[in-house]
Amino acid sequence: MQLEDYWGVGPKTAALLREALDESAAIEAIESADSRPLVQAGVSRGRATRILRRAQDDDGMDILSTRDARQVYRDVVELAEAYAVTEHAADRIRVLTPLTSRPAIDERLDETMAAVDTWDALTEETRKAVLDAFTAYDRQSGKAAAVETAIALRDLDLTDGVFAPLVDLDSDALEDAAHALRALETDGSIADGADEALTHLNADLGTIEDLAADADGLLDAIETEARDASTFRETLLRQITSETTLDPTLVRDAMPNEATDASMFVTETLRALTEDLREQIAEREAIVRTDLEATIERVDDDVTAAITAVDDIALQVSLARFALAFDMQRPTFVEEQPALVVRGARNLDLLAADETVQSITYAVGSHDGDIDAPTDDRVAVLTGANSGGKTTLLETLCQVALLAHMGLPVPADAAVVSLTDALVFHRRHASFNAGVLETTLRSVIPPLTDAGQTLMLVDEFEAITEPGRAADLLHGLVTLTVEREALGVFVTHLAEDLEPLPDSARVDGIFAEGLTADLDLEVDYQPRFTTLGQSTPEFIVSRLVAQANDASERYGFETLARAVGQEVVQGTLADAQWTDARAQSPESGTE
């Protein structure tokens, strides 16, 4: 393949990669999902992510059939990315895609759950030490940092589970590699302190150059100490050898045989020593560089193994931290009949926002009865209270299905999932624009009618057109979903207008139970199966009446209260412990 054969790599990007890397190195980076060389070459991180994501599994991204499904994917990946222990691990999380192969899904799940077990078993002290090692890796980057991180992890005696690849690394080779890689700079120069002899030579050269810069001061010191011309040479020798590690013989050899005066004698001596030291340094650097390059070549396979091990461990630890943060569990896959079944499911966005979350049990499709939910109904029409969590339930089901297809654990106590070819998630988009209707239909219908298994998660489909015709369209969509033997959950306030529903379709309801003392809507978010829910606008109106800031505003909401049922509203306010004093105050506008 050529660079241009990869999705998102046009002539300009290909030329950039060829100039900074070369064709084979760029292709290797893309195939191995390594964004670092691409970013270093000048490709933006976002573009590099999209290129690598498509290169990993084109078909997997095609499962996400709607814009809203793709948004859920982006949100889930962004949330997982927040638990990455290195920047490269974050890059690798960003390119994880849904998988279309059951063996590939099982392999990723096996790796992730093994990492979860390993990380969960570590003490807090050990976890901190691991995270510190990865932080140092990120801060320093490069091959040397990877080798040193491998050494640091091995020093923690981490050899089980996700850390098992460390066992196969050669400790001596890693030590040699760490020294050689740190000693030899990327520009070919020798790092300070890499070689003791070279360090002494450089230090001596610096001292001699300092003496030469203040040759007059050195001359004054010598003349003060020397009793006569015969002791001048020995005094200069003593001055130089006392401030350097130079052999006296080397200093004597640098002294001129003839000099017209004392100043020239000192200057010529220092000049000769400088030239001699620079030659010695150049020779020593060549020897050291040759030795270091030989060491690096000798341990190249060990370095590659260390980099691979550290990067793989970083990715798996990152995913383990993500899974443990939300108490995620391994899903069960079924192949005989389509199903999406969850017990104790939780919405990731609510958990991430530290909201109080009620876990939900829900099911469409066939299951073995271990979960307390109907079986064999492939389609559910979900009804119920305004702000009752119906959209959140759809989103939760989408998150579960998506994560399962990505080969990752899901936010539920248990989940049964069948593989799907198209995930259609459609959020409510309130508009009567004919263009929106057409766009929506073009978005949700083709995935359903194409060959393959489809999961339909559709929120208030009626919002795209006027209510009378919306019921007709929604009934047709539910019927089509049943006919295509797809799975579907449809949120609507028009359930009664959909009767009679097709076989293998049912109606579920979510119920609001009133207002809390703080005037928050009190909802049982667990759907009641085969029960029609009510929208209960009186609870919302009750809250608005209670929270009205002035008499005219309150009058407006009370007018709505009479329309939806004055007694119900008053009863709701009483249940919420709304005080009679407030309700009968002059500002309230009531008697």
Protein backbone atom coordinates (compact mmCIF):
# COMPACT_ATOMS: atom_id res chain seq x y z
CA MET A 1 0.00 0.00 0.00
CA GLN A 2 0.96 3.62 -0.48
CA LEU A 3 0.25 6.43 1.96
CA GLU A 4 -2.49 7.81 -0.26
CA ASP A 5 -4.36 4.49 0.05
CA TYR A 6 -5.19 5.26 3.68
CA TRP A 7 -8.35 7.17 4.51
CA GLY A 8 -7.63 10.83 5.20
CA VAL A 9 -4.10 10.83 3.73
CA GLY A 10 -4.17 13.12 0.71
CA PRO A 11 -1.22 14.27 -1.43
CA LYS A 12 -0.31 17.10 0.96
CA THR A 13 -0.34 14.91 4.09
CA ALA A 14 1.51 12.13 2.26
CA ALA A 15 4.24 14.57 1.16
CA LEU A 16 4.56 15.84 4.73
CA LEU A 17 4.97 12.32 6.10
CA ARG A 18 7.45 11.29 3.40
CA GLU A 19 9.60 14.34 4.10
CA ALA A 20 9.59 13.96 7.89
CA LEU A 21 9.70 10.16 7.99
CA ASP A 22 9.73 7.94 4.93
CA GLU A 23 7.07 5.87 3.21
CA SER A 24 7.66 2.65 5.13
CA ALA A 25 8.02 4.33 8.54
CA ALA A 26 4.82 6.33 8.03
CA ILE A 27 2.89 3.24 6.95
CA GLU A 28 4.24 1.28 9.93
CA ALA A 29 3.05 4.05 12.28
CA ILE A 30 -0.43 4.02 10.73
CA GLU A 31 -0.73 0.24 10.81
CA SER A 32 0.40 0.09 14.44
CA ALA A 33 -1.89 2.99 15.45
CA ASP A 34 1.09 5.01 16.69
CA SER A 35 0.16 8.67 16.43
CA ARG A 36 3.49 9.96 17.80
CA PRO A 37 5.48 9.88 14.54
CA LEU A 38 2.56 11.44 12.64
CA VAL A 39 2.16 14.27 15.14
CA GLN A 40 5.91 14.86 15.26
CA ALA A 41 5.88 15.04 11.46
CA GLY A 42 3.40 17.93 11.64
CA VAL A 43 0.01 16.22 11.29
CA SER A 44 -2.50 17.65 13.75
CA ARG A 45 -3.42 15.30 16.58
CA GLY A 46 -7.09 15.30 15.61
CA ARG A 47 -6.37 14.42 11.99
CA ALA A 48 -3.86 11.77 13.03
CA THR A 49 -6.52 10.23 15.28
CA ARG A 50 -9.06 10.09 12.45
CA ILE A 51 -6.52 8.53 10.07
CA LEU A 52 -5.50 5.86 12.57
CA ARG A 53 -9.08 5.19 13.64
CA ARG A 54 -10.14 4.48 10.07
CA ALA A 55 -7.03 2.40 9.44
CA GLN A 56 -7.84 0.11 12.36
CA ASP A 57 -11.35 -0.95 11.40
CA ASP A 58 -13.37 0.83 8.73
CA ASP A 59 -16.35 -1.46 9.14
CA GLY A 60 -16.49 -0.79 12.86
CA MET A 61 -17.03 2.93 12.41
CA ASP A 62 -19.73 2.21 9.84
CA ILE A 63 -21.83 0.58 12.57
CA LEU A 64 -22.50 4.10 13.88
CA SER A 65 -25.29 4.94 11.47
CA THR A 66 -26.43 8.32 12.77
CA ARG A 67 -24.92 11.56 13.94
CA ASP A 68 -26.22 11.01 17.46
CA ALA A 69 -24.70 7.51 17.61
CA ARG A 70 -21.36 8.97 16.56
CA GLN A 71 -21.69 11.65 19.23
CA VAL A 72 -22.22 9.02 21.91
CA TYR A 73 -19.10 7.26 20.59
CA ARG A 74 -17.08 10.48 20.86
CA ASP A 75 -18.38 11.15 24.37
CA VAL A 76 -17.54 7.63 25.55
CA VAL A 77 -14.05 7.76 24.08
CA GLU A 78 -13.43 11.19 25.59
CA LEU A 79 -14.51 9.91 28.99
CA ALA A 80 -12.25 6.86 28.73
CA GLU A 81 -9.39 9.05 27.56
CA ALA A 82 -9.56 10.99 30.83
CA TYR A 83 -8.27 7.87 32.62
CA ALA A 84 -5.22 7.44 30.38
CA VAL A 85 -1.93 7.18 32.26
CA THR A 86 0.18 8.47 29.35
CA GLU A 87 -0.46 10.72 26.38
CA HIS A 88 0.24 7.86 24.01
CA ALA A 89 -2.29 5.69 25.87
CA ALA A 90 -4.81 8.51 25.37
CA ASP A 91 -3.98 8.50 21.65
CA ARG A 92 -4.56 4.76 21.48
CA ILE A 93 -7.87 5.06 23.30
CA ARG A 94 -8.93 7.73 20.82
CA VAL A 95 -8.46 5.29 17.94
CA LEU A 96 -10.39 2.42 19.52
CA THR A 97 -13.39 1.65 17.32
CA PRO A 98 -16.35 -0.71 17.40
CA LEU A 99 -15.32 -4.15 16.21
CA THR A 100 -17.22 -6.32 13.77
CA SER A 101 -15.57 -9.63 14.62
CA ARG A 102 -16.66 -11.59 17.67
CA PRO A 103 -13.14 -13.06 18.18
CA ALA A 104 -11.68 -9.54 18.08
CA ILE A 105 -14.25 -8.36 20.62
CA ASP A 106 -13.52 -11.31 22.91
CA GLU A 107 -9.78 -10.75 22.65
CA ARG A 108 -10.04 -7.10 23.66
CA LEU A 109 -12.44 -7.95 26.47
CA ASP A 110 -10.10 -10.67 27.75
CA GLU A 111 -7.22 -8.21 27.85
CA THR A 112 -9.23 -5.46 29.47
CA MET A 113 -10.83 -7.62 32.15
CA ALA A 114 -7.44 -9.16 32.98
CA ALA A 115 -6.11 -5.63 33.42
CA VAL A 116 -9.09 -4.77 35.63
CA ASP A 117 -8.34 -7.75 37.88
CA THR A 118 -4.64 -6.85 38.05
CA TRP A 119 -5.15 -3.16 38.81
CA ASP A 120 -7.91 -3.83 41.32
CA ALA A 121 -5.64 -6.17 43.27
CA LEU A 122 -2.84 -3.61 43.72
CA THR A 123 -2.44 -1.57 46.88
CA GLU A 124 -2.94 2.20 46.70
CA GLU A 125 0.78 2.66 47.33
CA THR A 126 1.71 0.44 44.39
CA ARG A 127 -0.84 2.11 42.14
CA LYS A 128 0.66 5.50 42.96
CA ALA A 129 4.16 4.22 42.18
CA VAL A 130 2.96 2.90 38.81
CA LEU A 131 1.26 6.19 37.96
CA ASP A 132 4.40 8.09 38.98
CA ALA A 133 6.45 5.92 36.63
CA PHE A 134 4.09 6.66 33.74
CA THR A 135 4.09 10.37 34.58
CA ALA A 136 7.89 10.37 34.33
CA TYR A 137 7.62 8.50 31.02
CA ASP A 138 5.29 11.17 29.65
CA ARG A 139 7.48 14.00 30.90
CA GLN A 140 10.68 12.67 29.35
CA SER A 141 9.35 10.67 26.38
CA GLY A 142 11.57 8.77 23.95
CA LYS A 143 13.17 5.35 23.94
CA ALA A 144 15.27 5.96 27.04
CA ALA A 145 12.18 6.97 29.02
CA ALA A 146 10.36 3.80 27.93
CA VAL A 147 13.29 1.61 29.00
CA GLU A 148 13.59 3.40 32.34
CA THR A 149 9.84 3.01 32.89
CA ALA A 150 10.13 -0.71 32.24
CA ILE A 151 12.95 -0.87 34.78
CA ALA A 152 10.92 1.13 37.32
CA LEU A 153 7.91 -1.18 36.92
CA ARG A 154 10.09 -4.27 37.28
CA ASP A 155 11.61 -2.79 40.43
CA LEU A 156 8.09 -2.76 41.88
CA ASP A 157 7.99 -6.57 41.42
CA LEU A 158 5.06 -6.28 39.04
CA THR A 159 5.10 -9.45 36.99
CA ASP A 160 1.52 -10.76 37.02
CA GLY A 161 -1.50 -10.12 34.84
CA VAL A 162 -1.18 -7.03 32.69
CA PHE A 163 2.45 -6.64 33.83
CA ALA A 164 3.48 -10.13 32.67
CA PRO A 165 5.33 -8.83 29.56
CA LEU A 166 7.92 -7.33 31.91
CA VAL A 167 9.07 -10.82 32.91
CA ASP A 168 10.46 -11.55 29.47
CA LEU A 169 12.62 -8.41 29.40
CA ASP A 170 16.37 -8.81 29.95
CA SER A 171 17.27 -6.71 33.00
CA ASP A 172 20.95 -6.37 32.11
CA ALA A 173 20.14 -5.41 28.54
CA LEU A 174 17.68 -2.80 29.80
CA GLU A 175 20.29 -1.27 32.10
CA ASP A 176 22.79 -1.12 29.24
CA ALA A 177 20.15 0.34 26.94
CA ALA A 178 19.09 3.00 29.46
CA HIS A 179 22.70 4.13 29.92
CA ALA A 180 23.51 4.12 26.20
CA LEU A 181 20.32 5.90 25.15
CA ARG A 182 20.74 8.60 27.78
CA ALA A 183 24.44 8.96 26.97
CA LEU A 184 24.01 9.41 23.23
CA GLU A 185 21.98 12.49 22.39
CA THR A 186 19.66 12.53 19.39
CA ASP A 187 22.07 14.84 17.56
CA GLY A 188 24.93 12.37 18.06
CA SER A 189 26.63 14.31 20.84
CA ILE A 190 27.65 12.70 24.11
CA ALA A 191 25.58 13.67 27.13
CA ASP A 192 27.34 15.25 30.10
CA GLY A 193 28.48 12.64 32.59
CA ALA A 194 28.16 9.76 30.12
CA ASP A 195 31.87 8.88 30.31
CA GLU A 196 34.12 9.61 33.29
CA ALA A 197 37.28 10.21 31.25
CA LEU A 198 35.41 12.51 28.88
CA THR A 199 33.96 14.37 31.84
CA HIS A 200 37.44 15.02 33.24
CA LEU A 201 38.76 16.13 29.87
CA ASN A 202 35.90 18.58 29.37
CA ALA A 203 36.32 19.92 32.88
CA ASP A 204 40.06 20.39 32.35
CA LEU A 205 39.45 22.12 29.04
CA GLY A 206 37.02 24.50 30.71
CA THR A 207 39.57 25.31 33.41
CA ILE A 208 42.36 25.94 30.89
CA GLU A 209 40.06 28.19 28.84
CA ASP A 210 39.18 30.13 31.99
CA LEU A 211 42.88 30.54 32.81
CA ALA A 212 43.57 31.71 29.28
CA ALA A 213 40.80 34.27 29.54
CA ASP A 214 42.57 35.71 32.58
CA ALA A 215 46.14 35.10 31.54
CA ASP A 216 47.31 38.35 33.13
CA GLY A 217 45.90 37.33 36.50
CA LEU A 218 47.63 33.94 36.24
CA LEU A 219 50.90 35.68 35.32
CA ASP A 220 50.65 37.98 38.37
CA ALA A 221 50.06 34.99 40.64
CA ILE A 222 53.06 33.15 39.23
CA GLU A 223 55.37 36.17 39.47
CA THR A 224 54.28 36.75 43.07
CA GLU A 225 55.13 33.20 44.02
CA ALA A 226 58.21 32.59 41.81
CA ARG A 227 61.45 33.74 43.44
CA ASP A 228 63.33 34.04 40.18
CA ALA A 229 63.18 33.08 36.48
CA SER A 230 64.48 29.58 37.20
CA THR A 231 61.38 28.70 39.30
CA PHE A 232 58.86 30.36 36.93
CA ARG A 233 58.31 27.18 34.88
CA GLU A 234 57.69 24.99 37.97
CA THR A 235 55.35 27.57 39.48
CA LEU A 236 53.24 27.64 36.31
CA LEU A 237 53.19 23.83 36.31
CA ARG A 238 52.03 23.77 39.91
CA GLN A 239 49.32 26.37 39.26
CA ILE A 240 47.85 24.40 36.34
CA THR A 241 48.02 20.92 37.90
CA SER A 242 46.50 22.20 41.14
CA GLU A 243 43.35 23.32 39.28
CA THR A 244 43.08 20.42 36.80
CA THR A 245 43.57 16.67 36.64
CA LEU A 246 46.19 17.02 33.90
CA ASP A 247 49.31 14.91 34.05
CA PRO A 248 52.38 17.10 34.77
CA THR A 249 54.16 15.55 31.80
CA LEU A 250 51.41 16.78 29.48
CA VAL A 251 51.72 20.29 30.88
CA ARG A 252 55.54 20.31 30.53
CA ASP A 253 55.25 19.11 26.93
CA ALA A 254 52.91 22.02 26.22
CA MET A 255 55.43 24.60 27.48
CA PRO A 256 57.33 26.36 24.68
CA ASN A 257 61.08 25.85 24.45
CA GLU A 258 61.55 29.47 23.56
CA ALA A 259 59.57 32.49 24.64
CA THR A 260 60.47 36.17 24.46
CA ASP A 261 58.85 37.02 27.78
CA ALA A 262 56.89 35.56 30.68
CA SER A 263 53.51 36.61 29.29
CA MET A 264 54.14 34.82 25.99
CA PHE A 265 55.34 31.75 27.86
CA VAL A 266 52.06 31.51 29.82
CA THR A 267 49.90 32.27 26.78
CA GLU A 268 51.63 29.72 24.56
CA THR A 269 51.44 27.05 27.25
CA LEU A 270 47.70 27.53 27.68
CA ARG A 271 47.11 27.64 23.91
CA ALA A 272 48.99 24.37 23.40
CA LEU A 273 47.11 22.71 26.26
CA THR A 274 43.77 23.86 24.80
CA GLU A 275 44.58 22.38 21.39
CA ASP A 276 45.84 19.17 22.91
CA LEU A 277 42.75 18.76 25.14
CA ARG A 278 40.39 19.40 22.23
CA GLU A 279 42.11 16.68 20.23
CA GLN A 280 41.89 14.28 23.15
CA ILE A 281 38.22 15.11 23.64
CA ALA A 282 37.47 14.52 19.95
CA GLU A 283 39.27 11.19 20.05
CA ARG A 284 37.55 10.14 23.27
CA GLU A 285 34.12 11.18 21.97
CA ALA A 286 34.64 9.06 18.86
CA ILE A 287 35.52 6.04 20.97
CA VAL A 288 32.60 6.55 23.35
CA ARG A 289 30.16 7.19 20.52
CA THR A 290 31.24 4.01 18.75
CA ASP A 291 30.81 2.00 21.95
CA LEU A 292 27.39 3.52 22.66
CA GLU A 293 26.15 2.95 19.13
CA ALA A 294 27.33 -0.64 19.33
CA THR A 295 25.48 -1.09 22.62
CA ILE A 296 22.30 0.46 21.22
CA GLU A 297 22.46 -1.79 18.18
CA ARG A 298 23.09 -4.83 20.36
CA VAL A 299 20.08 -4.14 22.60
CA ASP A 300 17.76 -2.82 19.88
CA ASP A 301 15.39 -5.78 20.16
CA ASP A 302 15.28 -5.36 23.94
CA VAL A 303 14.49 -1.66 23.57
CA THR A 304 11.68 -2.41 21.12
CA ALA A 305 10.30 -5.03 23.48
CA ALA A 306 10.43 -2.58 26.38
CA ILE A 307 8.63 0.14 24.41
CA THR A 308 5.94 -2.30 23.32
CA ALA A 309 5.50 -3.64 26.84
CA VAL A 310 5.30 -0.21 28.45
CA ASP A 311 2.87 1.17 25.86
CA ASP A 312 0.64 -1.92 26.04
CA ILE A 313 0.64 -1.87 29.83
CA ALA A 314 -0.17 1.85 29.81
CA LEU A 315 -3.16 1.26 27.53
CA GLN A 316 -4.51 -1.66 29.55
CA VAL A 317 -4.03 0.12 32.88
CA SER A 318 -5.85 3.14 31.44
CA LEU A 319 -8.81 1.02 30.35
CA ALA A 320 -8.82 -0.77 33.70
CA ARG A 321 -8.98 2.55 35.56
CA PHE A 322 -11.87 3.60 33.32
CA ALA A 323 -13.77 0.37 33.96
CA LEU A 324 -13.21 0.42 37.71
CA ALA A 325 -14.17 4.09 38.00
CA PHE A 326 -17.68 3.22 36.79
CA ASP A 327 -17.93 -0.36 38.12
CA MET A 328 -18.23 -1.71 34.59
CA GLN A 329 -18.76 -5.39 33.89
CA ARG A 330 -18.12 -7.78 31.04
CA PRO A 331 -21.15 -8.20 28.75
CA THR A 332 -22.43 -11.57 27.57
CA PHE A 333 -22.92 -12.05 23.83
CA VAL A 334 -25.67 -14.10 22.22
CA GLU A 335 -25.93 -15.16 18.61
CA GLU A 336 -29.14 -17.19 18.25
CA GLN A 337 -31.62 -14.35 18.75
CA PRO A 338 -31.07 -10.57 18.76
CA ALA A 339 -31.12 -9.01 22.22
CA LEU A 340 -30.12 -6.00 24.24
CA VAL A 341 -30.70 -6.73 27.92
CA VAL A 342 -29.32 -4.86 30.94
CA ARG A 343 -29.58 -5.28 34.68
CA GLY A 344 -28.47 -2.45 36.92
CA ALA A 345 -27.48 -0.23 33.99
CA ARG A 346 -26.15 3.25 34.74
CA ASN A 347 -25.62 6.27 32.50
CA LEU A 348 -21.94 7.16 32.19
CA ASP A 349 -22.56 10.88 31.73
CA LEU A 350 -24.58 11.09 34.95
CA LEU A 351 -21.96 9.08 36.83
CA ALA A 352 -19.17 11.27 35.50
CA ALA A 353 -21.09 14.36 36.63
CA ASP A 354 -21.38 12.78 40.11
CA GLU A 355 -25.17 12.77 39.88
CA THR A 356 -27.32 10.45 41.94
CA VAL A 357 -28.08 7.58 39.58
CA GLN A 358 -30.86 4.98 39.75
CA SER A 359 -29.77 1.79 38.03
CA ILE A 360 -32.17 0.41 35.43
CA THR A 361 -33.18 -3.04 34.25
CA TYR A 362 -34.46 -3.19 30.70
CA ALA A 363 -34.69 -5.59 27.78
CA VAL A 364 -35.61 -5.91 24.15
CA GLY A 365 -35.22 -9.22 22.39
CA SER A 366 -34.87 -12.72 23.73
CA HIS A 367 -33.11 -13.69 26.94
CA ASP A 368 -33.04 -16.64 29.32
CA GLY A 369 -35.07 -15.03 32.09
CA ASP A 370 -32.19 -14.37 34.50
CA ILE A 371 -33.06 -10.67 34.19
CA ASP A 372 -36.45 -9.56 35.47
CA ALA A 373 -37.76 -8.14 32.22
CA PRO A 374 -40.02 -9.33 29.41
CA THR A 375 -38.52 -11.60 26.80
CA ASP A 376 -39.18 -12.05 23.08
CA ASP A 377 -40.45 -8.48 22.53
CA ARG A 378 -38.04 -7.10 19.96
CA VAL A 379 -39.53 -3.59 20.08
CA ALA A 380 -40.56 -1.42 23.04
CA VAL A 381 -42.46 1.85 22.96
CA LEU A 382 -41.31 3.83 25.99
CA THR A 383 -43.75 6.36 27.46
CA GLY A 384 -44.04 8.41 30.59
CA ALA A 385 -43.24 11.49 32.59
CA ASN A 386 -41.73 14.65 31.24
CA SER A 387 -38.09 14.83 32.40
CA GLY A 388 -38.55 11.23 33.46
CA GLY A 389 -35.26 9.92 32.08
CA LYS A 390 -36.56 8.33 28.89
CA THR A 391 -33.88 9.93 26.72
CA THR A 392 -31.25 9.07 29.34
CA LEU A 393 -32.36 5.43 29.19
CA LEU A 394 -31.98 5.44 25.41
CA GLU A 395 -28.52 6.94 25.75
CA THR A 396 -27.59 4.35 28.39
CA LEU A 397 -28.68 1.52 26.09
CA CYS A 398 -26.62 3.12 23.31
CA GLN A 399 -23.57 3.33 25.60
CA VAL A 400 -23.94 -0.33 26.59
CA ALA A 401 -24.31 -1.53 22.99
CA LEU A 402 -21.45 0.66 21.81
CA LEU A 403 -18.98 -0.33 24.53
CA ALA A 404 -19.82 -4.01 24.04
CA HIS A 405 -19.06 -3.69 20.32
CA MET A 406 -15.78 -1.93 21.21
CA GLY A 407 -14.77 -4.96 23.25
CA LEU A 408 -14.98 -3.04 26.53
CA PRO A 409 -16.91 -3.64 29.75
CA VAL A 410 -20.25 -1.88 30.14
CA PRO A 411 -21.83 0.25 32.91
CA ALA A 412 -24.25 -2.39 34.19
CA ASP A 413 -24.31 -5.21 36.70
CA ALA A 414 -25.03 -7.56 33.79
CA ALA A 415 -25.72 -7.17 30.09
CA VAL A 416 -26.67 -9.47 27.22
CA VAL A 417 -25.84 -8.12 23.78
CA SER A 418 -26.10 -9.42 20.25
CA LEU A 419 -23.86 -8.05 17.52
CA THR A 420 -25.46 -5.47 15.30
CA ASP A 421 -24.61 -4.17 11.86
CA ALA A 422 -26.15 -0.74 12.40
CA LEU A 423 -26.61 1.29 15.58
CA VAL A 424 -29.28 3.94 14.97
CA PHE A 425 -29.56 6.45 17.81
CA HIS A 426 -31.75 9.47 17.15
CA ARG A 427 -32.23 12.18 19.77
CA ARG A 428 -35.18 14.52 19.79
CA HIS A 429 -34.68 17.41 17.38
CA ALA A 430 -37.59 19.81 17.76
CA SER A 431 -38.37 21.30 14.36
CA PHE A 432 -41.22 21.29 11.88
CA ASN A 433 -38.90 22.07 9.01
CA ALA A 434 -39.56 19.75 6.10
CA GLY A 435 -35.84 19.47 5.54
CA VAL A 436 -35.39 18.04 9.03
CA LEU A 437 -38.09 15.45 8.37
CA GLU A 438 -36.44 14.33 5.15
CA THR A 439 -32.96 14.33 6.68
CA THR A 440 -34.16 12.28 9.64
CA LEU A 441 -35.91 9.72 7.48
CA ARG A 442 -32.84 9.40 5.26
CA SER A 443 -30.78 8.85 8.41
CA VAL A 444 -32.84 6.19 10.19
CA ILE A 445 -34.55 4.22 7.40
CA PRO A 446 -31.64 2.98 5.20
CA PRO A 447 -29.80 1.24 8.07
CA LEU A 448 -33.03 -0.52 8.93
CA THR A 449 -33.80 -1.70 5.40
CA ASP A 450 -30.27 -2.72 4.47
CA ALA A 451 -29.31 -6.33 5.04
CA GLY A 452 -28.10 -7.10 8.55
CA GLN A 453 -29.10 -6.66 12.18
CA THR A 454 -30.13 -3.16 13.33
CA LEU A 455 -30.61 -1.59 16.76
CA MET A 456 -33.07 1.34 16.71
CA LEU A 457 -33.01 3.82 19.60
CA VAL A 458 -35.31 6.69 18.63
CA ASP A 459 -36.33 9.58 20.86
CA GLU A 460 -39.62 11.46 20.25
CA PHE A 461 -39.77 10.88 16.54
CA GLU A 462 -42.97 12.96 16.53
CA ALA A 463 -40.95 16.14 17.08
CA ILE A 464 -39.96 16.27 13.41
CA THR A 465 -43.46 16.92 12.07
CA GLU A 466 -47.01 17.79 13.18
CA PRO A 467 -48.52 15.39 15.76
CA GLY A 468 -51.25 13.91 13.55
CA ARG A 469 -48.93 12.72 10.85
CA ALA A 470 -46.12 11.97 13.32
CA ALA A 471 -48.15 9.13 14.82
CA ASP A 472 -48.62 7.64 11.35
CA LEU A 473 -44.89 7.88 10.61
CA LEU A 474 -43.92 6.46 14.00
CA HIS A 475 -46.35 3.56 13.65
CA GLY A 476 -44.83 2.81 10.27
CA LEU A 477 -41.33 2.93 11.73
CA VAL A 478 -42.27 0.57 14.57
CA THR A 479 -43.93 -1.79 12.08
CA LEU A 480 -40.90 -1.70 9.80
CA THR A 481 -38.60 -2.44 12.76
CA VAL A 482 -40.67 -5.51 13.63
CA GLU A 483 -40.82 -6.67 10.01
CA ARG A 484 -37.05 -6.37 9.64
CA GLU A 485 -36.59 -8.42 12.84
CA ALA A 486 -34.58 -5.57 14.31
CA LEU A 487 -34.40 -4.43 17.92
CA GLY A 488 -35.89 -1.09 18.86
CA VAL A 489 -36.80 1.26 21.68
CA PHE A 490 -38.96 4.24 20.70
CA VAL A 491 -39.63 7.07 23.12
CA THR A 492 -42.93 8.83 22.45
CA HIS A 493 -45.88 10.67 23.93
CA LEU A 494 -48.14 9.25 21.19
CA ALA A 495 -48.30 5.64 22.29
CA GLU A 496 -52.09 5.57 22.43
CA ASP A 497 -52.19 6.73 18.81
CA LEU A 498 -50.04 3.78 17.76
CA GLU A 499 -52.56 1.10 18.70
CA PRO A 500 -52.71 -1.61 17.66
CA LEU A 501 -48.99 -2.30 17.85
CA PRO A 502 -47.50 -5.14 15.81
CA ASP A 503 -46.79 -8.47 17.43
CA SER A 504 -43.52 -8.62 19.39
CA ALA A 505 -43.89 -4.94 20.32
CA ARG A 506 -44.93 -3.67 23.75
CA VAL A 507 -45.52 -0.41 25.64
CA ASP A 508 -43.52 0.47 28.77
CA GLY A 509 -43.96 3.44 31.08
CA ILE A 510 -41.87 5.63 33.39
CA PHE A 511 -43.84 7.32 36.17
CA ALA A 512 -43.36 10.55 38.07
CA GLU A 513 -44.62 10.26 41.63
CA GLY A 514 -44.70 13.91 42.67
CA LEU A 515 -42.36 16.62 43.87
CA THR A 516 -39.81 16.44 46.64
CA ALA A 517 -39.70 18.96 49.48
CA ASP A 518 -37.13 20.82 47.38
CA LEU A 519 -39.58 20.88 44.46
CA ASP A 520 -37.51 18.45 42.42
CA LEU A 521 -39.44 16.03 40.25
CA GLU A 522 -39.63 12.67 42.01
CA VAL A 523 -39.41 9.94 39.38
CA ASP A 524 -39.13 6.19 39.49
CA TYR A 525 -36.77 5.85 36.55
CA GLN A 526 -37.26 2.10 36.33
CA PRO A 527 -39.76 1.51 33.49
CA ARG A 528 -42.86 -0.49 34.28
CA PHE A 529 -43.15 -3.10 31.59
CA THR A 530 -46.30 -3.41 29.47
CA THR A 531 -47.72 -0.32 31.19
CA LEU A 532 -48.60 2.96 29.52
CA GLY A 533 -46.89 5.87 31.24
CA GLN A 534 -48.28 9.36 31.64
CA SER A 535 -46.55 12.62 30.84
CA THR A 536 -47.84 14.21 34.11
CA PRO A 537 -47.37 17.88 33.14
CA GLU A 538 -49.18 18.83 36.36
CA PHE A 539 -45.98 18.14 38.31
CA ILE A 540 -44.01 20.54 36.16
CA VAL A 541 -46.74 23.17 36.38
CA SER A 542 -46.86 22.69 40.17
CA ARG A 543 -43.16 23.42 40.43
CA LEU A 544 -43.51 26.51 38.26
CA VAL A 545 -46.36 27.79 40.41
CA ALA A 546 -44.28 27.26 43.54
CA GLN A 547 -41.22 28.95 42.10
CA ALA A 548 -42.99 31.96 40.57
CA ASN A 549 -41.17 35.17 41.46
CA ASP A 550 -44.05 37.68 41.24
CA ALA A 551 -47.84 37.84 41.13
CA SER A 552 -48.22 38.17 37.37
CA GLU A 553 -45.90 35.25 36.68
CA ARG A 554 -47.70 33.18 39.27
CA TYR A 555 -51.07 34.08 37.74
CA GLY A 556 -49.86 32.78 34.36
CA PHE A 557 -48.77 29.46 35.77
CA GLU A 558 -51.95 29.13 37.82
CA THR A 559 -53.94 29.52 34.62
CA LEU A 560 -52.04 26.50 33.29
CA ALA A 561 -52.72 24.73 36.58
CA ARG A 562 -56.47 25.11 36.07
CA ALA A 563 -56.05 23.70 32.57
CA VAL A 564 -54.23 20.55 33.72
CA GLY A 565 -56.24 20.16 36.93
CA GLN A 566 -56.23 22.62 39.83
CA GLU A 567 -56.85 19.96 42.46
CA VAL A 568 -53.97 17.83 41.22
CA VAL A 569 -51.62 20.81 41.28
CA GLN A 570 -52.69 21.82 44.79
CA GLY A 571 -52.34 18.26 45.96
CA THR A 572 -48.86 18.06 44.51
CA LEU A 573 -47.83 21.24 46.28
CA ALA A 574 -49.27 19.92 49.54
CA ASP A 575 -47.34 16.67 49.14
CA ALA A 576 -44.21 18.73 48.56
CA GLN A 577 -44.86 20.42 51.92
CA TRP A 578 -45.62 23.74 50.26
CA THR A 579 -46.70 26.02 53.13
CA ASP A 580 -50.23 27.42 53.33
CA ALA A 581 -48.73 30.73 54.38
CA ARG A 582 -46.93 31.07 51.05
CA ALA A 583 -49.87 29.82 49.04
CA GLN A 584 -52.23 32.32 50.70
CA SER A 585 -49.87 35.28 50.94
CA PRO A 586 -50.96 38.57 49.32
CA GLU A 587 -48.13 38.26 46.81
CA SER A 588 -49.48 34.94 45.65
CA GLY A 589 -52.57 36.40 44.00
CA THR A 590 -54.85 33.77 45.61
CA GLU A 591 -57.35 33.81 48.43
